[in-house]
N, C-alpha and C. Protein backbone atom coordinates (compact mmCIF):
# COMPACT_ATOMS: atom_id res chain seq x y z
N MET A 1 0.88 -1.12 0.04
CA MET A 1 -0.05 0.03 0.00
C MET A 1 0.86 1.27 0.00
N LYS A 2 1.97 1.18 0.74
CA LYS A 2 2.89 2.40 0.85
C LYS A 2 3.49 2.63 -0.52
N ALA A 3 3.81 1.54 -1.25
CA ALA A 3 4.42 1.69 -2.60
C ALA A 3 3.42 2.39 -3.54
N ARG A 4 2.13 2.02 -3.40
CA ARG A 4 1.07 2.60 -4.25
C ARG A 4 0.93 4.12 -4.01
N ALA A 5 0.95 4.48 -2.73
CA ALA A 5 0.93 5.86 -2.27
C ALA A 5 2.08 6.67 -2.87
N LEU A 6 3.28 6.11 -2.75
CA LEU A 6 4.47 6.77 -3.29
C LEU A 6 4.41 6.96 -4.82
N LEU A 7 3.95 5.90 -5.49
CA LEU A 7 3.79 5.98 -6.90
C LEU A 7 2.79 7.01 -7.30
N LEU A 8 1.62 7.10 -6.66
CA LEU A 8 0.63 8.04 -6.92
C LEU A 8 1.18 9.45 -6.65
N ALA A 9 1.89 9.67 -5.56
CA ALA A 9 2.44 10.93 -5.27
C ALA A 9 3.43 11.37 -6.32
N ALA A 10 4.28 10.47 -6.79
CA ALA A 10 5.24 10.75 -7.81
C ALA A 10 4.55 11.14 -9.12
N LEU A 11 3.50 10.40 -9.46
CA LEU A 11 2.74 10.70 -10.69
C LEU A 11 2.07 12.12 -10.67
N LEU A 12 1.39 12.36 -9.53
CA LEU A 12 0.74 13.65 -9.36
C LEU A 12 1.76 14.80 -9.33
N GLY A 13 2.89 14.56 -8.75
CA GLY A 13 3.88 15.63 -8.69
C GLY A 13 4.37 15.92 -10.09
N VAL A 14 4.62 14.94 -10.87
CA VAL A 14 5.04 15.19 -12.26
C VAL A 14 3.96 15.90 -13.03
N ALA A 15 2.76 15.48 -12.89
CA ALA A 15 1.63 16.03 -13.63
C ALA A 15 1.49 17.52 -13.37
N GLY A 16 1.76 17.93 -12.18
CA GLY A 16 1.60 19.41 -11.85
C GLY A 16 2.80 20.23 -12.16
N ALA A 17 3.95 19.64 -12.58
CA ALA A 17 5.14 20.47 -12.84
C ALA A 17 5.04 21.16 -14.15
N GLN A 18 5.60 22.35 -14.20
CA GLN A 18 5.68 23.04 -15.48
C GLN A 18 7.11 22.78 -15.97
N THR A 19 7.30 22.40 -17.22
CA THR A 19 8.53 22.13 -17.80
C THR A 19 8.83 23.04 -19.01
N SER A 20 10.09 23.18 -19.32
CA SER A 20 10.47 23.92 -20.42
C SER A 20 11.58 23.13 -21.18
N VAL A 21 11.64 23.21 -22.48
CA VAL A 21 12.63 22.51 -23.23
C VAL A 21 13.64 23.52 -23.74
N ALA A 22 14.93 23.28 -23.51
CA ALA A 22 15.92 24.11 -24.03
C ALA A 22 16.20 23.79 -25.52
N PRO A 23 16.34 24.79 -26.35
CA PRO A 23 16.53 24.53 -27.80
C PRO A 23 17.91 23.92 -28.02
N LEU A 24 18.04 23.17 -29.10
CA LEU A 24 19.35 22.65 -29.55
C LEU A 24 20.14 23.86 -30.02
N PRO A 25 21.47 23.77 -29.94
CA PRO A 25 22.31 24.91 -30.41
C PRO A 25 22.03 25.21 -31.87
N GLY A 26 21.80 26.44 -32.21
CA GLY A 26 21.53 26.92 -33.51
C GLY A 26 20.07 26.93 -33.90
N LEU A 27 19.19 26.40 -32.98
CA LEU A 27 17.77 26.31 -33.34
C LEU A 27 17.03 27.31 -32.39
N ALA A 28 15.87 27.85 -32.89
CA ALA A 28 15.10 28.68 -32.06
C ALA A 28 14.32 27.94 -31.04
N ALA A 29 14.04 28.57 -29.98
CA ALA A 29 13.27 27.98 -28.86
C ALA A 29 11.88 27.58 -29.35
N PRO A 30 11.32 26.44 -28.87
CA PRO A 30 9.98 26.07 -29.36
C PRO A 30 8.98 27.12 -28.94
N THR A 31 7.94 27.32 -29.83
CA THR A 31 6.94 28.26 -29.55
C THR A 31 5.83 27.56 -28.71
N PRO A 32 5.48 28.15 -27.52
CA PRO A 32 4.43 27.50 -26.76
C PRO A 32 3.12 27.66 -27.44
N VAL A 33 2.31 26.62 -27.35
CA VAL A 33 0.94 26.64 -27.94
C VAL A 33 0.04 26.12 -26.87
N VAL A 34 -1.21 26.45 -27.04
CA VAL A 34 -2.25 25.98 -26.12
C VAL A 34 -2.51 24.51 -26.38
N PRO A 35 -2.44 23.69 -25.35
CA PRO A 35 -2.79 22.23 -25.60
C PRO A 35 -4.20 22.14 -26.04
N ASN A 36 -4.46 21.05 -26.81
CA ASN A 36 -5.85 20.75 -27.22
C ASN A 36 -6.65 20.23 -26.02
N THR A 37 -5.94 19.45 -25.19
CA THR A 37 -6.59 18.84 -23.98
C THR A 37 -5.66 18.93 -22.78
N ALA A 38 -6.17 19.30 -21.63
CA ALA A 38 -5.40 19.32 -20.46
C ALA A 38 -6.23 18.82 -19.26
N LEU A 39 -5.52 18.24 -18.26
CA LEU A 39 -6.22 17.71 -17.09
C LEU A 39 -5.73 18.58 -15.87
N LEU A 40 -6.72 18.99 -15.09
CA LEU A 40 -6.40 19.83 -13.90
C LEU A 40 -6.96 19.07 -12.64
N LEU A 41 -6.13 18.85 -11.70
CA LEU A 41 -6.53 18.21 -10.40
C LEU A 41 -6.34 19.22 -9.27
N ASP A 42 -6.86 18.84 -8.19
CA ASP A 42 -6.69 19.64 -6.91
C ASP A 42 -5.21 20.01 -6.72
N GLY A 43 -4.91 21.25 -6.29
CA GLY A 43 -3.55 21.65 -6.05
C GLY A 43 -2.76 22.01 -7.23
N GLN A 44 -3.30 21.81 -8.46
CA GLN A 44 -2.52 22.07 -9.63
C GLN A 44 -2.98 23.41 -10.27
N LYS A 45 -2.12 23.92 -11.13
CA LYS A 45 -2.44 25.19 -11.82
C LYS A 45 -2.02 24.98 -13.29
N LEU A 46 -2.90 25.32 -14.23
CA LEU A 46 -2.54 25.29 -15.66
C LEU A 46 -2.38 26.74 -16.00
N THR A 47 -1.16 27.11 -16.51
CA THR A 47 -0.87 28.43 -16.93
C THR A 47 -0.45 28.42 -18.40
N ILE A 48 -1.01 29.20 -19.25
CA ILE A 48 -0.65 29.36 -20.57
C ILE A 48 -0.28 30.87 -20.86
N ASP A 49 0.70 30.96 -21.73
CA ASP A 49 1.10 32.33 -22.19
C ASP A 49 0.46 32.57 -23.49
N VAL A 50 -0.56 33.44 -23.59
CA VAL A 50 -1.27 33.64 -24.74
C VAL A 50 -0.79 34.97 -25.43
N LYS A 51 -0.76 34.88 -26.76
CA LYS A 51 -0.31 36.05 -27.58
C LYS A 51 -1.36 36.33 -28.63
N PHE A 52 -1.48 37.68 -28.89
CA PHE A 52 -2.36 38.15 -29.93
C PHE A 52 -1.53 39.21 -30.71
N ASN A 53 -1.59 39.06 -32.03
CA ASN A 53 -0.91 40.03 -32.91
C ASN A 53 -1.76 40.28 -34.09
N PRO A 54 -2.75 41.16 -33.91
CA PRO A 54 -3.69 41.44 -35.05
C PRO A 54 -2.94 41.70 -36.35
N GLY A 55 -3.37 41.07 -37.36
CA GLY A 55 -2.78 41.28 -38.73
C GLY A 55 -1.68 40.35 -39.01
N ALA A 56 -1.02 39.75 -38.01
CA ALA A 56 0.12 38.86 -38.30
C ALA A 56 -0.37 37.52 -38.95
N GLU A 57 -1.52 37.07 -38.48
CA GLU A 57 -2.10 35.84 -39.08
C GLU A 57 -3.62 36.08 -39.13
N GLY A 58 -4.18 35.58 -40.16
CA GLY A 58 -5.66 35.66 -40.26
C GLY A 58 -6.19 36.95 -40.60
N THR A 59 -7.12 37.50 -39.78
CA THR A 59 -7.82 38.77 -40.10
C THR A 59 -6.85 39.95 -40.21
N ALA A 60 -7.01 40.76 -41.22
CA ALA A 60 -6.11 41.91 -41.45
C ALA A 60 -6.39 43.00 -40.30
N TYR A 61 -5.26 43.77 -40.09
CA TYR A 61 -5.32 44.81 -39.09
C TYR A 61 -4.72 45.95 -39.74
N PRO A 62 -5.39 47.17 -39.67
CA PRO A 62 -6.62 47.40 -39.02
C PRO A 62 -7.73 46.81 -39.89
N PRO A 63 -8.88 46.57 -39.21
CA PRO A 63 -10.04 46.02 -39.94
C PRO A 63 -10.41 46.94 -41.09
N LEU A 64 -11.07 46.36 -42.07
CA LEU A 64 -11.57 47.13 -43.19
C LEU A 64 -12.63 48.10 -42.84
N VAL A 65 -13.35 47.80 -41.78
CA VAL A 65 -14.48 48.68 -41.30
C VAL A 65 -13.99 49.33 -40.01
N PRO A 66 -14.56 50.53 -39.68
CA PRO A 66 -14.16 51.20 -38.45
C PRO A 66 -14.55 50.35 -37.25
N PHE A 67 -13.70 50.41 -36.24
CA PHE A 67 -14.01 49.73 -35.03
C PHE A 67 -13.87 50.65 -33.84
N SER A 68 -14.66 50.36 -32.83
CA SER A 68 -14.65 51.22 -31.59
C SER A 68 -15.22 50.45 -30.50
N LYS A 69 -15.39 51.11 -29.32
CA LYS A 69 -15.98 50.41 -28.15
C LYS A 69 -17.36 49.87 -28.44
N SER A 70 -18.15 50.58 -29.25
CA SER A 70 -19.47 50.11 -29.51
C SER A 70 -19.52 49.08 -30.67
N ALA A 71 -18.48 49.02 -31.48
CA ALA A 71 -18.36 48.14 -32.57
C ALA A 71 -16.92 47.57 -32.70
N PRO A 72 -16.60 46.68 -31.67
CA PRO A 72 -15.23 46.18 -31.59
C PRO A 72 -14.83 45.23 -32.70
N ALA A 73 -13.52 45.02 -32.89
CA ALA A 73 -12.96 44.03 -33.82
C ALA A 73 -12.49 42.90 -32.98
N TYR A 74 -12.57 41.62 -33.48
CA TYR A 74 -12.16 40.42 -32.72
C TYR A 74 -11.11 39.74 -33.44
N TYR A 75 -10.12 39.24 -32.66
CA TYR A 75 -8.98 38.47 -33.24
C TYR A 75 -8.72 37.18 -32.42
N PRO A 76 -8.35 36.12 -33.14
CA PRO A 76 -7.98 34.92 -32.41
C PRO A 76 -6.64 34.97 -31.79
N MET A 77 -6.42 34.03 -30.90
CA MET A 77 -5.15 33.88 -30.19
C MET A 77 -4.11 33.34 -31.23
N LEU A 78 -2.85 33.75 -31.13
CA LEU A 78 -1.88 33.28 -32.05
C LEU A 78 -1.69 31.79 -31.86
N GLY A 79 -1.50 30.98 -32.90
CA GLY A 79 -1.25 29.55 -32.78
C GLY A 79 -2.48 28.74 -32.93
N THR A 80 -3.63 29.23 -32.52
CA THR A 80 -4.86 28.48 -32.68
C THR A 80 -6.10 29.42 -32.55
N ASP A 81 -7.11 29.07 -33.26
CA ASP A 81 -8.32 29.80 -33.11
C ASP A 81 -9.45 28.84 -32.60
N GLN A 82 -9.07 27.70 -32.10
CA GLN A 82 -9.91 26.64 -31.62
C GLN A 82 -10.01 26.66 -30.13
N ALA A 83 -11.08 26.15 -29.61
CA ALA A 83 -11.25 25.93 -28.17
C ALA A 83 -10.32 24.81 -27.72
N PHE A 84 -9.85 24.86 -26.43
CA PHE A 84 -9.20 23.72 -25.80
C PHE A 84 -9.99 23.02 -24.82
N HIS A 85 -9.79 21.80 -24.51
CA HIS A 85 -10.58 21.10 -23.67
C HIS A 85 -9.89 20.95 -22.27
N LEU A 86 -10.53 21.34 -21.24
CA LEU A 86 -9.95 21.32 -19.97
C LEU A 86 -10.68 20.31 -19.11
N SER A 87 -10.22 19.18 -18.74
CA SER A 87 -10.90 18.21 -17.90
C SER A 87 -10.48 18.55 -16.45
N VAL A 88 -11.38 18.58 -15.56
CA VAL A 88 -11.21 18.96 -14.12
C VAL A 88 -11.67 17.84 -13.23
N GLN A 89 -10.87 17.43 -12.27
CA GLN A 89 -11.23 16.45 -11.25
C GLN A 89 -10.93 17.01 -9.87
N SER A 90 -11.87 17.05 -9.00
CA SER A 90 -11.62 17.54 -7.63
C SER A 90 -12.32 16.74 -6.60
N THR A 91 -11.71 16.68 -5.41
CA THR A 91 -12.32 16.09 -4.25
C THR A 91 -12.82 17.19 -3.31
N LEU A 92 -12.66 18.45 -3.63
CA LEU A 92 -13.13 19.58 -2.81
C LEU A 92 -14.65 19.65 -2.91
N ALA A 93 -15.30 19.86 -1.76
CA ALA A 93 -16.77 20.08 -1.72
C ALA A 93 -17.07 21.44 -2.32
N GLY A 94 -17.94 21.54 -3.26
CA GLY A 94 -18.29 22.85 -3.84
C GLY A 94 -17.19 23.56 -4.47
N ALA A 95 -16.42 22.84 -5.28
CA ALA A 95 -15.25 23.45 -6.01
C ALA A 95 -15.65 24.27 -7.19
N ALA A 96 -14.74 25.25 -7.51
CA ALA A 96 -14.96 26.12 -8.65
C ALA A 96 -13.72 26.14 -9.51
N LEU A 97 -13.90 26.37 -10.77
CA LEU A 97 -12.75 26.58 -11.64
C LEU A 97 -12.55 28.08 -11.71
N VAL A 98 -11.28 28.50 -11.34
CA VAL A 98 -10.93 29.96 -11.24
C VAL A 98 -9.90 30.28 -12.27
N LEU A 99 -10.11 31.44 -12.92
CA LEU A 99 -9.16 32.00 -13.89
C LEU A 99 -8.50 33.29 -13.38
N ARG A 100 -7.24 33.38 -13.48
CA ARG A 100 -6.47 34.56 -13.12
C ARG A 100 -5.82 35.04 -14.39
N THR A 101 -5.87 36.29 -14.67
CA THR A 101 -5.32 36.90 -15.87
C THR A 101 -4.31 37.99 -15.48
N GLN A 102 -3.07 37.90 -16.07
CA GLN A 102 -2.07 38.88 -15.82
C GLN A 102 -1.40 39.34 -17.12
N PRO A 103 -1.47 40.62 -17.46
CA PRO A 103 -0.90 41.03 -18.73
C PRO A 103 0.70 41.06 -18.55
N ILE A 104 1.35 40.85 -19.70
CA ILE A 104 2.80 40.85 -19.70
C ILE A 104 3.15 42.01 -20.71
N THR A 105 4.06 42.90 -20.21
CA THR A 105 4.46 44.04 -21.07
C THR A 105 5.93 44.09 -21.16
N ALA A 106 6.43 44.54 -22.30
CA ALA A 106 7.81 44.76 -22.52
C ALA A 106 8.12 46.13 -21.86
N PRO A 107 9.40 46.29 -21.46
CA PRO A 107 9.79 47.67 -20.86
C PRO A 107 9.45 48.79 -21.81
N GLY A 108 8.84 49.78 -21.23
CA GLY A 108 8.47 51.02 -21.95
C GLY A 108 7.18 50.92 -22.81
N GLN A 109 6.46 49.72 -22.66
CA GLN A 109 5.18 49.59 -23.36
C GLN A 109 4.05 49.63 -22.35
N GLN A 110 2.87 49.98 -22.97
CA GLN A 110 1.66 49.92 -22.15
C GLN A 110 1.09 48.51 -22.12
N ALA A 111 0.48 48.14 -21.09
CA ALA A 111 -0.18 46.87 -20.97
C ALA A 111 -1.52 46.86 -21.65
N LEU A 112 -1.86 45.75 -22.21
CA LEU A 112 -3.22 45.60 -22.84
C LEU A 112 -4.17 45.48 -21.72
N PRO A 113 -5.29 46.22 -21.72
CA PRO A 113 -6.27 46.04 -20.65
C PRO A 113 -6.81 44.61 -20.59
N ILE A 114 -6.73 43.94 -19.46
CA ILE A 114 -7.07 42.51 -19.40
C ILE A 114 -8.50 42.20 -19.78
N ASP A 115 -9.39 43.21 -19.70
CA ASP A 115 -10.83 42.88 -20.09
C ASP A 115 -10.94 42.81 -21.62
N ARG A 116 -9.90 43.04 -22.40
CA ARG A 116 -9.87 42.86 -23.80
C ARG A 116 -9.64 41.46 -24.24
N ILE A 117 -9.19 40.59 -23.25
CA ILE A 117 -9.07 39.22 -23.54
C ILE A 117 -10.40 38.59 -23.04
N GLU A 118 -11.10 37.91 -23.91
CA GLU A 118 -12.32 37.37 -23.63
C GLU A 118 -12.27 35.84 -23.73
N TYR A 119 -13.06 35.20 -22.93
CA TYR A 119 -13.18 33.72 -22.94
C TYR A 119 -14.59 33.26 -23.03
N SER A 120 -14.80 32.07 -23.57
CA SER A 120 -16.10 31.39 -23.62
C SER A 120 -15.97 30.02 -23.07
N VAL A 121 -16.89 29.64 -22.32
CA VAL A 121 -16.91 28.23 -21.73
C VAL A 121 -18.05 27.47 -22.33
N ASN A 122 -17.80 26.36 -22.92
CA ASN A 122 -18.70 25.40 -23.44
C ASN A 122 -19.69 26.11 -24.50
N GLY A 123 -19.15 27.01 -25.32
CA GLY A 123 -19.97 27.70 -26.37
C GLY A 123 -20.83 28.85 -25.82
N ALA A 124 -20.75 29.19 -24.54
CA ALA A 124 -21.50 30.29 -24.04
C ALA A 124 -21.01 31.60 -24.65
N PRO A 125 -21.74 32.70 -24.52
CA PRO A 125 -21.26 33.96 -25.00
C PRO A 125 -19.87 34.36 -24.42
N PHE A 126 -19.09 35.03 -25.18
CA PHE A 126 -17.71 35.48 -24.65
C PHE A 126 -17.97 36.50 -23.48
N VAL A 127 -17.04 36.36 -22.50
CA VAL A 127 -17.05 37.23 -21.30
C VAL A 127 -15.67 37.89 -21.15
N PRO A 128 -15.62 39.17 -20.86
CA PRO A 128 -14.26 39.78 -20.63
C PRO A 128 -13.60 39.25 -19.36
N SER A 129 -12.34 39.04 -19.41
CA SER A 129 -11.62 38.50 -18.31
C SER A 129 -11.32 39.68 -17.32
N THR A 130 -11.10 39.27 -16.05
CA THR A 130 -10.68 40.19 -15.01
C THR A 130 -9.44 39.57 -14.34
N SER A 131 -8.92 40.29 -13.36
CA SER A 131 -7.68 39.71 -12.76
C SER A 131 -7.93 38.38 -12.09
N ILE A 132 -9.04 38.16 -11.53
CA ILE A 132 -9.45 36.88 -10.97
C ILE A 132 -10.94 36.71 -10.95
N GLN A 133 -11.40 35.48 -11.35
CA GLN A 133 -12.90 35.28 -11.46
C GLN A 133 -13.13 33.84 -11.48
N VAL A 134 -14.30 33.40 -10.97
CA VAL A 134 -14.83 32.08 -11.10
C VAL A 134 -15.47 31.97 -12.46
N ILE A 135 -15.03 30.89 -13.24
CA ILE A 135 -15.62 30.78 -14.57
C ILE A 135 -16.55 29.61 -14.64
N ALA A 136 -16.49 28.67 -13.68
CA ALA A 136 -17.39 27.51 -13.71
C ALA A 136 -17.53 26.91 -12.25
N LEU A 137 -18.66 26.40 -11.95
CA LEU A 137 -18.79 25.67 -10.67
C LEU A 137 -18.83 24.23 -11.03
N LEU A 138 -18.01 23.40 -10.33
CA LEU A 138 -17.95 22.00 -10.61
C LEU A 138 -19.18 21.35 -10.13
N PRO A 139 -19.63 20.29 -10.85
CA PRO A 139 -20.79 19.58 -10.27
C PRO A 139 -20.41 18.78 -9.08
N VAL A 140 -21.45 18.25 -8.33
CA VAL A 140 -21.19 17.48 -7.10
C VAL A 140 -20.23 16.37 -7.30
N SER A 141 -20.22 15.77 -8.46
CA SER A 141 -19.31 14.64 -8.70
C SER A 141 -17.89 15.09 -8.73
N GLY A 142 -17.60 16.38 -8.83
CA GLY A 142 -16.19 16.89 -8.86
C GLY A 142 -15.48 16.69 -10.19
N GLN A 143 -16.19 16.23 -11.20
CA GLN A 143 -15.57 16.03 -12.50
C GLN A 143 -16.39 16.73 -13.57
N ALA A 144 -15.63 17.42 -14.51
CA ALA A 144 -16.26 18.05 -15.61
C ALA A 144 -15.15 18.29 -16.67
N THR A 145 -15.68 18.53 -17.85
CA THR A 145 -14.77 18.96 -18.99
C THR A 145 -15.36 20.17 -19.58
N TYR A 146 -14.48 21.14 -19.75
CA TYR A 146 -14.91 22.43 -20.28
C TYR A 146 -14.25 22.71 -21.59
N ASP A 147 -14.89 23.27 -22.56
CA ASP A 147 -14.30 23.75 -23.81
C ASP A 147 -14.08 25.26 -23.63
N ILE A 148 -12.89 25.73 -23.70
CA ILE A 148 -12.54 27.11 -23.43
C ILE A 148 -11.96 27.74 -24.70
N ALA A 149 -12.64 28.79 -25.16
CA ALA A 149 -12.14 29.56 -26.31
C ALA A 149 -11.71 30.89 -25.84
N LEU A 150 -10.66 31.46 -26.54
CA LEU A 150 -10.12 32.72 -26.24
C LEU A 150 -10.13 33.66 -27.47
N ARG A 151 -10.34 34.91 -27.24
CA ARG A 151 -10.21 35.91 -28.34
C ARG A 151 -9.79 37.23 -27.76
N LEU A 152 -9.35 38.12 -28.65
CA LEU A 152 -8.99 39.46 -28.29
C LEU A 152 -10.03 40.47 -28.88
N ARG A 153 -10.54 41.35 -28.06
CA ARG A 153 -11.46 42.36 -28.45
C ARG A 153 -10.68 43.72 -28.56
N LEU A 154 -10.70 44.29 -29.72
CA LEU A 154 -10.06 45.59 -29.96
C LEU A 154 -11.05 46.68 -30.10
N GLU A 155 -10.79 47.76 -29.49
CA GLU A 155 -11.69 48.94 -29.53
C GLU A 155 -11.03 50.19 -30.10
N GLY A 156 -9.78 50.07 -30.49
CA GLY A 156 -9.12 51.17 -31.14
C GLY A 156 -8.18 52.05 -30.23
N ASP A 157 -8.25 51.79 -28.94
CA ASP A 157 -7.38 52.62 -28.04
C ASP A 157 -6.33 51.77 -27.40
N GLU A 158 -6.14 50.53 -27.82
CA GLU A 158 -5.13 49.65 -27.18
C GLU A 158 -3.74 49.94 -27.75
N PRO A 159 -2.69 49.53 -27.07
CA PRO A 159 -1.38 49.74 -27.61
C PRO A 159 -1.12 48.83 -28.85
N ALA A 160 -0.44 49.37 -29.83
CA ALA A 160 -0.15 48.56 -31.06
C ALA A 160 0.81 47.49 -30.84
N GLY A 161 0.74 46.48 -31.75
CA GLY A 161 1.72 45.40 -31.73
C GLY A 161 1.29 44.21 -30.97
N LEU A 162 2.22 43.35 -30.65
CA LEU A 162 1.93 42.09 -29.95
C LEU A 162 1.42 42.34 -28.57
N SER A 163 0.40 41.61 -28.23
CA SER A 163 -0.21 41.70 -26.86
C SER A 163 -0.07 40.25 -26.23
N GLN A 164 0.30 40.24 -24.95
CA GLN A 164 0.62 39.02 -24.38
C GLN A 164 0.14 39.01 -22.91
N ALA A 165 -0.37 37.84 -22.41
CA ALA A 165 -0.91 37.69 -21.07
C ALA A 165 -0.67 36.31 -20.54
N LEU A 166 -0.64 36.11 -19.29
CA LEU A 166 -0.60 34.76 -18.64
C LEU A 166 -1.99 34.56 -18.15
N LEU A 167 -2.55 33.39 -18.52
CA LEU A 167 -3.85 32.95 -18.03
C LEU A 167 -3.58 31.71 -17.16
N SER A 168 -4.11 31.67 -15.97
CA SER A 168 -3.92 30.57 -15.09
C SER A 168 -5.27 30.07 -14.55
N TRP A 169 -5.48 28.77 -14.68
CA TRP A 169 -6.71 28.12 -14.18
C TRP A 169 -6.32 27.21 -12.97
N SER A 170 -7.20 27.25 -11.98
CA SER A 170 -6.95 26.41 -10.84
C SER A 170 -8.32 25.96 -10.28
N VAL A 171 -8.37 24.91 -9.52
CA VAL A 171 -9.58 24.43 -8.86
C VAL A 171 -9.54 24.86 -7.40
N GLU A 172 -10.45 25.58 -6.93
CA GLU A 172 -10.50 26.11 -5.56
C GLU A 172 -11.82 25.91 -4.87
N ALA A 173 -11.83 25.80 -3.51
CA ALA A 173 -13.05 25.72 -2.81
C ALA A 173 -13.85 27.04 -2.91
N ARG A 174 -15.18 26.95 -2.94
CA ARG A 174 -15.90 28.18 -2.98
C ARG A 174 -16.11 28.77 -1.63
């Protein structure tokens, strides 16, 4: 029984670790992409570095039509415009899936307002992100799978160029 507990602890420890791969000499570092599927357990955090660069891929920037706060333009995340699947398992009573958003800025640049990054859970309408928010309540069983889509909403007053943010999901007690 003790061996099983140690094996389980080792597996869970590895599953929660964040790893990075050093590039081979002469090669560029790998570009991080959002996984198609991820598993999140109690005590773990899934963090992704999202990037938006309007006009670099896909939809042209600036848009062909005027855009503003009342008529925004929308752009997909770099690397994918598809939702990713997040499976969650928790033993916490009344657990919630929590999202934390933190903009990343280069020295001397303005940060993108975090409410310009929007998310959708399971095909629901897109919602502006905030620094911390509950995005889903887990069912009593403690298990659920969520399809999460991300996009950038531009209103014309944001800083030009590449926008970047860290998005972190965790399971927490309500």
